[in-house]
Structure formats: structure tokens, C-alpha cells
Amino acid sequence: MSTTEIFLIAMTLIFTVPYLIWRVGKTEYYAPLVVVQIITGILLGPGVLGAAFPDYYSFVFNAQVIQLLNGIAWWAVMIFVWIAGIELDLSQAWEHRRESGITAGLALGTPLLFGCVAAAGLLLYPGWIGPRAMTWQFVMGVGMACAVTALPILILLMEKLEILRQPIGQRILRYASLDDIAIWGVLAVILMDWDRMGRQLGFLLTFAVMSYLLRKLMVWLPERDRWYVGLIWLALCGLGADWSGLHFMVGAFLAGAVMDGHWFDQKQLDSLRHHVLLIIMPVFFLSTGLRTSWNVGGASVFIAAGALLVASVSGKLLGMHAAGKILRWEAGEAPLIGWLLQTKALIMIIFVNVLLDKGIITNASFTALLLMAIGSTMLTVPVVSPKLQRMKALVFRSR
């Protein structure tokens, strides 16, 4: 068979298998389609079906097909991160800066600390730290992966729970938005390459000048042209960031972060995010699953994933408990916010893909972190839903 035909077989699997599991299994309550797509990627990868049926794996996912899938996946996730950057709105966070700063700081700092402790434990055993990582990069990278809140998935889950447009939903978005900026900032520090320091400084200075000119241009352009110019800007920022050693995902986020959401029609922006998730992000989930590995032993990977999940969830909940005490929240408010903010999935998976690309973590660490992200996201709705039923008055109360 030709490469084109095999590629289309792979695309058929990517869209058919998760849809059937999601629709026939009625998994929406525990696992939205996005989570099912990630799990399916793992199942179709080398660690599960690839190990059981190596001939299937070598036929469908040969080197040429994987290269084609990776190209689609890179562009898909760049667009997704770019949209997340555009949608950052820090005006509300600034208006409520004391509350937002305390909450976001504790929501990020506590699980980061717990995750760093878990990472230090992994260093005691071989097979977890990447070949090009310094110890502090590995510890900080894994710690930040435990601290990440997946803002796009959080939005989807809060829409499902019907609290996104309510006061508490908007508060949670403020906290998550601040943490989102911190996450990419820490990633840039982790990826700082002293051998390429000149390139990285050059990129950042050029980016600052070009951002100023872009903002002037965007105000002048009609809206229909802003989309095209925005995509050109995205590709250039990704290229510049990757050339400098910071990784194209950092460039994609920066490209969106310097743009204003009000330049675009909100319905069109929502529609673009929806269609990216529908049409091309499943390829990214599959390519992520193809990178999973059990080479340190399946049991070890699951034990590591469990330890990381405990660090992540307990860190978020304790951080929100401390914030609730400082800000005098009502009883039940802190755990509700903590459980929503511990949602992982997309952004964390993008984050750890970058760490794997840069050799900071191994495939085994990547697999453990991926399993942690899936477990974290699947816990959210079943835990939060009954809490909301008991606390309906809180949902409509602003601060």
C-alpha cells in the first residue's frame, strides 16, 4: 500500500476509535471526548497495542506516517496555544489583584513544591531524568507539570457544569489565567540555553519590537485581515523561538499573549477553538500516545503516576485551603475551587511534550505524567458536580 493509503488508515483510526468509545461507552460524565482521545492515543501507541501486535504498529505507524502526523500535530497545538494566549484577559485579575495574586500564587506554588519533592524521589531511581537535563531542570519541570492548570479544558468542564459565566466561574478563570502566564515563563527559564543566550536575547528583543509594530498594524487592519496576519505572526514567532532554542510552543503562546481578544469576534474565536479541537487536535493526541513508553516497567510507571497525582491534587487543595483562610472564604469554597484548578490534560500534555523534545524527561517520565494528567482530569466532574449541588448559592455570588 502507498504511504497515502496507510496515512488515511491511521486518520480513520484516530477519529473512529475514540468516538465509538465516547459515544457507545457514554463516558462524558467521567471522561469528555478530549480525554478519551488522549487515552486512545496511548492504547494505539507502542506501549499497548504496539506491544501486543507489533506487525500492526510497524505497518500503520511507520516512519513516513509518523512524520506526516507530527507535522499536523505541531501546527494544531500551535494554533491551540495561540488561541489560549489571545484569550488571556488580565484586566479582571488586576481589578481584583490582591485576591487573584494570593489565590493564583498558592494554587501554583503549593503543588509546584509538592511536585518538586516527588521529582526528587524519582531521581533516586534510573530511567526518569532525560539525557540532556540538569537536575534542577528535571525537578522544576516535573514540579511545574504538577502545578499546571489546563485553562482550555477548565473552560470546557465549567461550560459542562454550567458555571463558566457565573461569578465563581469568572473568578476561577482569573486565577487560572495568572497561572497560565507563570507556567510559560517558568518553561522559558527551564529551556534557557546558555550556549544560545545571544540567540535567545536577540529573539526576545526582536519579538518586543515586532510586537509593538504588530499591535499598531492590527488596530489599523479590518477584522477579516487580522486572522491572516495573526497566523503569519504565529508561524514567525514559532520559528524564531525554536531557532533561539526556546521551543516553538513558547513562541506560539507569546504570539497570542501580545494580541488582544477584542480584536476578534468572540463567537468566531470560540468557533475556531472548537473546530481546531474537532478537526486537527485528535492528531496531536494520537502522536502524544505514540510517545508513551513502559521501558522502566509498567508497574513503576503507574506507581510514579500515582505519586505525581497525589502531589498535584493535594498541593492544589492545600494551596486553596490556605488561600481560603487568608481571604476568609465560606466553608466549602476552597475545595470546590481547588478541584477545578487541579484539572490537567491539554496544557500539561503540551508542556511535557516540550520537556521530552528537549531531553529533560524520558519517555517513561512522560508516560507517568500523561497518566497523571488523565487521572486528574477524570476526577474533576465526578468530584465537583455533587459539591455544586450542595452549594448552589455560592455559584451566583460574586466577590
Protein backbone atom coordinates (compact mmCIF):
# COMPACT_ATOMS: atom_id res chain seq x y z
CA MET A 1 0.00 0.00 0.00
CA SER A 2 1.11 3.57 -0.61
CA THR A 3 2.07 5.96 2.19
CA THR A 4 -1.07 7.99 1.41
CA GLU A 5 -3.33 4.97 1.93
CA ILE A 6 -1.61 3.97 5.17
CA PHE A 7 -1.83 7.59 6.37
CA LEU A 8 -5.59 7.57 5.74
CA ILE A 9 -5.90 4.28 7.65
CA ALA A 10 -4.18 5.99 10.59
CA MET A 11 -6.51 9.01 10.30
CA THR A 12 -9.52 6.69 10.26
CA LEU A 13 -8.34 5.05 13.48
CA ILE A 14 -7.65 8.45 15.08
CA PHE A 15 -11.22 9.65 14.57
CA THR A 16 -13.20 6.39 14.75
CA VAL A 17 -11.90 4.60 17.85
CA PRO A 18 -12.22 7.44 20.41
CA TYR A 19 -15.60 8.49 19.03
CA LEU A 20 -17.01 4.98 19.40
CA ILE A 21 -15.60 4.62 22.93
CA TRP A 22 -17.01 8.03 23.91
CA ARG A 23 -20.42 7.61 22.30
CA VAL A 24 -21.10 3.89 22.88
CA GLY A 25 -19.49 3.86 26.32
CA LYS A 26 -21.24 7.12 27.35
CA THR A 27 -18.09 8.32 29.11
CA GLU A 28 -18.95 12.05 29.11
CA TYR A 29 -19.50 12.27 32.88
CA TYR A 30 -16.07 10.87 33.75
CA ALA A 31 -14.11 11.48 30.56
CA PRO A 32 -15.04 14.06 27.91
CA LEU A 33 -14.12 13.28 24.32
CA VAL A 34 -10.78 15.10 24.66
CA VAL A 35 -9.72 12.75 27.47
CA VAL A 36 -10.92 9.69 25.54
CA GLN A 37 -8.83 10.82 22.56
CA ILE A 38 -5.74 11.05 24.76
CA ILE A 39 -6.38 7.59 26.26
CA THR A 40 -6.96 6.17 22.77
CA GLY A 41 -3.62 7.61 21.68
CA ILE A 42 -1.93 5.65 24.47
CA LEU A 43 -3.83 2.46 23.54
CA LEU A 44 -2.89 2.74 19.87
CA GLY A 45 0.73 3.50 20.73
CA PRO A 46 3.75 1.23 21.11
CA GLY A 47 3.20 0.53 24.81
CA VAL A 48 -0.17 -1.25 24.46
CA LEU A 49 -1.44 -2.36 21.04
CA GLY A 50 2.01 -1.83 19.56
CA ALA A 51 3.45 -4.30 22.09
CA ALA A 52 0.61 -6.80 21.61
CA PHE A 53 0.54 -6.52 17.79
CA PRO A 54 3.93 -5.27 16.62
CA ASP A 55 3.16 -6.03 12.96
CA TYR A 56 0.09 -3.76 13.11
CA TYR A 57 2.09 -0.98 14.67
CA SER A 58 5.03 -1.14 12.25
CA PHE A 59 2.61 -1.21 9.30
CA VAL A 60 0.22 1.63 10.25
CA PHE A 61 2.63 3.86 12.16
CA ASN A 62 5.74 3.60 10.03
CA ALA A 63 8.31 6.40 9.94
CA GLN A 64 6.73 8.22 6.98
CA VAL A 65 3.23 8.22 8.51
CA ILE A 66 4.52 9.36 11.90
CA GLN A 67 6.36 12.23 10.21
CA LEU A 68 3.15 13.32 8.47
CA LEU A 69 1.14 13.06 11.70
CA ASN A 70 3.76 15.02 13.64
CA GLY A 71 3.58 17.90 11.16
CA ILE A 72 -0.20 18.16 11.57
CA ALA A 73 0.11 17.81 15.34
CA TRP A 74 2.69 20.60 15.62
CA TRP A 75 0.52 23.07 13.72
CA ALA A 76 -2.64 22.01 15.58
CA VAL A 77 -1.15 22.57 19.00
CA MET A 78 0.48 25.84 17.94
CA ILE A 79 -2.92 27.21 16.91
CA PHE A 80 -4.48 25.95 20.14
CA VAL A 81 -1.82 27.58 22.34
CA TRP A 82 -2.02 30.77 20.26
CA ILE A 83 -5.78 30.98 20.91
CA ALA A 84 -5.18 30.40 24.64
CA GLY A 85 -2.74 33.34 24.60
CA ILE A 86 -5.21 35.59 22.77
CA GLU A 87 -7.96 34.79 25.28
CA LEU A 88 -5.90 35.79 28.31
CA ASP A 89 -7.67 38.76 29.91
CA LEU A 90 -5.70 40.19 32.82
CA SER A 91 -7.87 43.27 33.37
CA GLN A 92 -10.15 41.44 35.81
CA ALA A 93 -7.17 39.94 37.60
CA TRP A 94 -5.70 43.43 38.02
CA GLU A 95 -9.01 44.78 39.32
CA HIS A 96 -9.03 42.04 41.99
CA ARG A 97 -5.24 41.86 42.25
CA ARG A 98 -4.92 41.06 45.98
CA GLU A 99 -7.35 38.16 45.91
CA SER A 100 -6.18 36.95 42.49
CA GLY A 101 -2.48 37.24 43.39
CA ILE A 102 -2.80 35.35 46.68
CA THR A 103 -5.01 32.62 45.19
CA ALA A 104 -3.05 32.14 41.97
CA GLY A 105 0.25 32.18 43.87
CA LEU A 106 -0.85 29.46 46.28
CA ALA A 107 -2.61 27.49 43.52
CA LEU A 108 0.68 27.33 41.63
CA GLY A 109 3.28 27.40 44.39
CA THR A 110 1.99 24.63 46.66
CA PRO A 111 1.60 21.87 44.02
CA LEU A 112 4.88 23.06 42.47
CA LEU A 113 6.62 22.40 45.78
CA PHE A 114 4.92 19.01 46.21
CA GLY A 115 5.74 18.09 42.61
CA CYS A 116 9.40 19.03 43.09
CA VAL A 117 9.54 16.70 46.11
CA ALA A 118 8.03 13.89 44.01
CA ALA A 119 10.57 14.61 41.23
CA ALA A 120 13.42 14.45 43.74
CA GLY A 121 12.12 11.00 44.72
CA LEU A 122 12.19 9.87 41.07
CA LEU A 123 15.84 10.92 40.85
CA LEU A 124 16.68 8.13 43.27
CA TYR A 125 15.90 5.61 40.51
CA PRO A 126 17.31 5.30 36.98
CA GLY A 127 15.29 5.92 33.85
CA TRP A 128 13.41 9.11 34.73
CA ILE A 129 15.70 12.09 34.12
CA GLY A 130 16.33 12.99 30.49
CA PRO A 131 19.74 12.72 28.81
CA ARG A 132 20.16 16.49 28.33
CA ALA A 133 18.70 17.64 31.66
CA MET A 134 20.40 19.24 34.59
CA THR A 135 18.96 18.10 37.91
CA TRP A 136 17.24 21.43 38.62
CA GLN A 137 15.61 21.42 35.17
CA PHE A 138 14.12 17.96 35.74
CA VAL A 139 12.90 18.78 39.25
CA MET A 140 11.42 22.13 38.22
CA GLY A 141 9.89 20.67 35.04
CA VAL A 142 8.12 17.82 36.82
CA GLY A 143 7.10 20.14 39.66
CA MET A 144 5.57 22.63 37.22
CA ALA A 145 3.77 19.79 35.42
CA CYS A 146 2.10 19.00 38.76
CA ALA A 147 1.17 22.68 39.22
CA VAL A 148 -0.28 23.33 35.75
CA THR A 149 -3.97 24.10 35.32
CA ALA A 150 -5.30 23.29 31.84
CA LEU A 151 -7.14 26.53 31.08
CA PRO A 152 -8.85 25.35 27.83
CA ILE A 153 -10.04 22.10 29.45
CA LEU A 154 -11.12 24.03 32.55
CA ILE A 155 -13.30 26.21 30.30
CA LEU A 156 -14.86 23.13 28.68
CA LEU A 157 -15.58 21.50 32.05
CA MET A 158 -17.05 24.67 33.55
CA GLU A 159 -19.30 25.00 30.48
CA LYS A 160 -20.46 21.45 31.10
CA LEU A 161 -21.11 22.23 34.78
CA GLU A 162 -22.94 25.46 33.73
CA ILE A 163 -20.80 27.76 35.89
CA LEU A 164 -18.50 29.34 33.29
CA ARG A 165 -20.48 32.59 33.02
CA GLN A 166 -21.35 32.67 36.72
CA PRO A 167 -19.33 34.78 39.20
CA ILE A 168 -17.42 31.82 40.63
CA GLY A 169 -16.53 30.64 37.13
CA GLN A 170 -15.12 34.04 36.24
CA ARG A 171 -13.11 34.09 39.48
CA ILE A 172 -11.59 30.71 38.67
CA LEU A 173 -10.69 31.91 35.17
CA ARG A 174 -8.81 34.85 36.73
CA TYR A 175 -6.74 32.54 38.90
CA ALA A 176 -6.03 30.11 36.05
CA SER A 177 -5.06 32.92 33.66
CA LEU A 178 -2.38 34.23 36.01
CA ASP A 179 -1.00 30.72 36.49
CA ASP A 180 -1.00 30.20 32.72
CA ILE A 181 1.41 33.11 32.28
CA ALA A 182 3.64 31.81 35.09
CA ILE A 183 3.73 28.34 33.52
CA TRP A 184 5.10 29.60 30.20
CA GLY A 185 7.51 31.91 31.99
CA VAL A 186 8.93 29.02 34.02
CA LEU A 187 9.16 26.90 30.87
CA ALA A 188 11.20 29.63 29.18
CA VAL A 189 13.57 29.66 32.19
CA ILE A 190 13.90 25.85 32.12
CA LEU A 191 14.71 25.94 28.42
CA MET A 192 17.22 28.79 28.72
CA ASP A 193 20.28 27.62 26.84
CA TRP A 194 23.49 29.39 27.90
CA ASP A 195 25.18 28.32 24.67
CA ARG A 196 22.42 30.08 22.74
CA MET A 197 21.99 33.02 25.10
CA GLY A 198 22.83 35.51 22.33
CA ARG A 199 20.19 33.99 20.06
CA GLN A 200 17.57 33.95 22.82
CA LEU A 201 18.17 37.56 23.81
CA GLY A 202 18.11 38.52 20.14
CA PHE A 203 14.79 36.74 19.67
CA LEU A 204 13.22 38.38 22.73
CA LEU A 205 14.38 41.87 21.71
CA THR A 206 13.17 41.36 18.14
CA PHE A 207 9.90 39.95 19.45
CA ALA A 208 9.35 43.03 21.65
CA VAL A 209 9.89 45.43 18.73
CA MET A 210 7.80 43.39 16.31
CA SER A 211 5.00 43.04 18.89
CA TYR A 212 4.77 46.82 19.17
CA LEU A 213 4.54 47.15 15.37
CA LEU A 214 2.04 44.27 15.14
CA ARG A 215 -0.28 45.92 17.66
CA LYS A 216 -0.22 49.14 15.65
CA LEU A 217 -0.94 47.20 12.45
CA MET A 218 -3.78 45.14 13.95
CA VAL A 219 -5.68 48.22 15.08
CA TRP A 220 -5.48 49.59 11.55
CA LEU A 221 -6.48 46.35 9.76
CA PRO A 222 -10.11 45.27 9.18
CA GLU A 223 -11.07 42.22 11.23
CA ARG A 224 -11.11 39.79 8.29
CA ASP A 225 -7.42 40.54 7.65
CA ARG A 226 -6.43 40.17 11.31
CA TRP A 227 -6.93 36.40 11.14
CA TYR A 228 -4.46 36.01 8.25
CA VAL A 229 -1.91 38.36 9.76
CA GLY A 230 -2.30 36.61 13.13
CA LEU A 231 -1.48 33.22 11.59
CA ILE A 232 1.56 34.65 9.79
CA TRP A 233 2.66 36.15 13.12
CA LEU A 234 2.14 32.76 14.81
CA ALA A 235 4.38 30.96 12.32
CA LEU A 236 7.10 33.60 12.57
CA CYS A 237 7.09 33.59 16.40
CA GLY A 238 7.22 29.80 16.48
CA LEU A 239 10.14 29.82 14.04
CA GLY A 240 12.04 32.48 15.98
CA ALA A 241 11.51 30.80 19.36
CA ASP A 242 12.59 27.39 18.04
CA TRP A 243 15.63 28.85 16.26
CA SER A 244 16.71 30.52 19.51
CA GLY A 245 16.32 27.28 21.49
CA LEU A 246 13.18 28.23 23.44
CA HIS A 247 10.87 25.80 21.52
CA PHE A 248 8.12 26.75 19.10
CA MET A 249 5.40 26.29 21.75
CA VAL A 250 6.82 29.19 23.78
CA GLY A 251 6.72 31.26 20.59
CA ALA A 252 3.11 30.22 19.92
CA PHE A 253 2.00 31.35 23.38
CA LEU A 254 3.89 34.64 23.13
CA ALA A 255 2.35 35.25 19.70
CA GLY A 256 -1.14 35.05 21.20
CA ALA A 257 -0.38 36.75 24.52
CA VAL A 258 0.57 40.07 22.88
CA MET A 259 -2.68 40.13 20.90
CA ASP A 260 -5.98 41.41 22.29
CA GLY A 261 -9.07 39.24 22.29
CA HIS A 262 -11.32 42.18 21.42
CA TRP A 263 -9.62 42.43 18.01
CA PHE A 264 -11.61 39.34 17.02
CA ASP A 265 -15.28 38.41 17.12
CA GLN A 266 -15.69 36.26 20.24
CA LYS A 267 -18.05 33.82 18.51
CA GLN A 268 -15.56 33.30 15.71
CA LEU A 269 -12.75 32.78 18.22
CA ASP A 270 -14.85 30.21 20.11
CA SER A 271 -15.74 28.55 16.81
CA LEU A 272 -12.08 28.39 15.78
CA ARG A 273 -11.12 26.74 19.10
CA HIS A 274 -13.98 24.26 18.71
CA HIS A 275 -13.02 23.33 15.17
CA VAL A 276 -9.32 23.01 15.98
CA LEU A 277 -10.29 20.59 18.77
CA LEU A 278 -12.60 18.72 16.41
CA ILE A 279 -10.54 18.58 13.22
CA ILE A 280 -6.81 18.52 13.97
CA MET A 281 -6.13 18.24 17.71
CA PRO A 282 -7.03 14.49 17.72
CA VAL A 283 -3.89 14.00 15.62
CA PHE A 284 -1.86 15.64 18.40
CA PHE A 285 -3.45 13.31 20.99
CA LEU A 286 -2.56 10.28 18.88
CA SER A 287 1.01 11.48 18.32
CA THR A 288 1.27 12.03 22.09
CA GLY A 289 0.17 8.46 22.72
CA LEU A 290 2.79 7.21 20.28
CA ARG A 291 5.47 8.67 22.57
CA THR A 292 4.46 6.70 25.66
CA SER A 293 6.87 4.08 26.95
CA TRP A 294 6.97 1.41 29.65
CA ASN A 295 10.68 0.67 29.41
CA VAL A 296 11.24 1.06 33.17
CA GLY A 297 8.42 -1.41 33.85
CA GLY A 298 4.65 -0.92 33.70
CA ALA A 299 4.22 -1.11 37.47
CA SER A 300 6.90 1.53 38.06
CA VAL A 301 5.23 3.93 35.62
CA PHE A 302 1.86 3.53 37.36
CA ILE A 303 3.41 3.97 40.81
CA ALA A 304 5.16 7.13 39.64
CA ALA A 305 1.93 8.40 38.07
CA GLY A 306 0.06 7.77 41.34
CA ALA A 307 2.67 9.62 43.38
CA LEU A 308 2.57 12.57 40.97
CA LEU A 309 -1.23 12.61 41.07
CA VAL A 310 -1.22 12.73 44.87
CA ALA A 311 1.34 15.56 44.80
CA SER A 312 -0.68 17.50 42.24
CA VAL A 313 -4.15 17.15 43.79
CA SER A 314 -3.09 17.51 47.43
CA GLY A 315 -0.93 20.51 46.53
CA LYS A 316 -3.84 22.31 44.84
CA LEU A 317 -6.27 21.52 47.66
CA LEU A 318 -3.86 22.60 50.40
CA GLY A 319 -2.99 25.74 48.49
CA MET A 320 -6.67 26.66 48.14
CA HIS A 321 -7.28 25.83 51.81
CA ALA A 322 -4.55 28.33 52.73
CA ALA A 323 -5.99 30.93 50.34
CA GLY A 324 -9.45 30.41 51.84
CA LYS A 325 -8.09 31.03 55.33
CA ILE A 326 -6.27 34.21 54.29
CA LEU A 327 -9.18 35.60 52.27
CA ARG A 328 -11.90 34.29 54.61
CA TRP A 329 -13.83 32.29 52.07
CA GLU A 330 -17.01 30.49 53.04
CA ALA A 331 -16.96 26.83 54.05
CA GLY A 332 -16.69 24.56 51.00
CA GLU A 333 -15.43 27.28 48.67
CA ALA A 334 -11.75 26.29 48.81
CA PRO A 335 -12.15 22.59 47.93
CA LEU A 336 -14.54 23.43 45.09
CA ILE A 337 -12.04 25.86 43.54
CA GLY A 338 -9.13 23.53 44.28
CA TRP A 339 -10.71 20.57 42.49
CA LEU A 340 -11.46 22.67 39.41
CA LEU A 341 -7.97 24.18 39.29
CA GLN A 342 -6.28 20.78 39.51
CA THR A 343 -7.63 19.91 36.04
CA LYS A 344 -4.70 18.97 33.80
CA ALA A 345 -4.88 17.40 30.31
CA LEU A 346 -4.12 19.66 27.34
CA ILE A 347 -1.76 22.37 28.58
CA MET A 348 0.16 19.96 30.80
CA ILE A 349 0.49 17.49 27.96
CA ILE A 350 1.80 20.25 25.70
CA PHE A 351 4.18 21.29 28.49
CA VAL A 352 5.63 17.79 28.99
CA ASN A 353 5.87 17.25 25.22
CA VAL A 354 8.25 20.22 25.19
CA LEU A 355 10.25 18.74 28.09
CA LEU A 356 10.51 15.43 26.22
CA ASP A 357 11.56 17.16 22.99
CA LYS A 358 14.35 18.93 24.86
CA GLY A 359 15.59 15.75 26.58
CA ILE A 360 14.70 16.98 30.08
CA ILE A 361 12.48 13.97 30.81
CA THR A 362 12.48 10.44 29.42
CA ASN A 363 9.64 8.60 27.69
CA ALA A 364 8.96 6.82 30.99
CA SER A 365 8.60 10.13 32.86
CA PHE A 366 6.44 11.43 30.03
CA THR A 367 4.15 8.41 30.29
CA ALA A 368 3.80 8.77 34.08
CA LEU A 369 2.98 12.48 33.73
CA LEU A 370 0.50 11.75 30.94
CA LEU A 371 -1.30 9.17 33.10
CA MET A 372 -1.34 11.68 35.97
CA ALA A 373 -2.96 14.28 33.69
CA ILE A 374 -5.65 11.84 32.59
CA GLY A 375 -6.42 10.81 36.17
CA SER A 376 -6.54 14.43 37.31
CA THR A 377 -8.98 15.46 34.57
CA MET A 378 -11.24 12.42 35.02
CA LEU A 379 -11.61 13.18 38.73
CA THR A 380 -12.86 16.73 38.21
CA VAL A 381 -16.51 16.43 37.17
CA PRO A 382 -17.46 13.48 39.46
CA VAL A 383 -15.99 15.30 42.49
CA VAL A 384 -17.15 18.83 41.67
CA SER A 385 -20.68 18.06 40.46
CA PRO A 386 -22.11 16.94 43.84
CA LYS A 387 -20.33 19.82 45.57
CA LEU A 388 -22.07 22.29 43.27
CA GLN A 389 -25.44 20.76 44.04
CA ARG A 390 -24.86 21.39 47.73
CA MET A 391 -23.56 24.92 47.20
CA LYS A 392 -25.86 26.48 44.59
CA ALA A 393 -25.91 29.87 46.35
CA LEU A 394 -22.13 30.14 46.07
CA VAL A 395 -22.23 29.82 42.29
CA PHE A 396 -24.15 33.07 41.86
CA ARG A 397 -22.29 35.08 44.49
CA SER A 398 -19.57 37.45 43.31
CA ARG A 399 -16.65 38.75 45.31
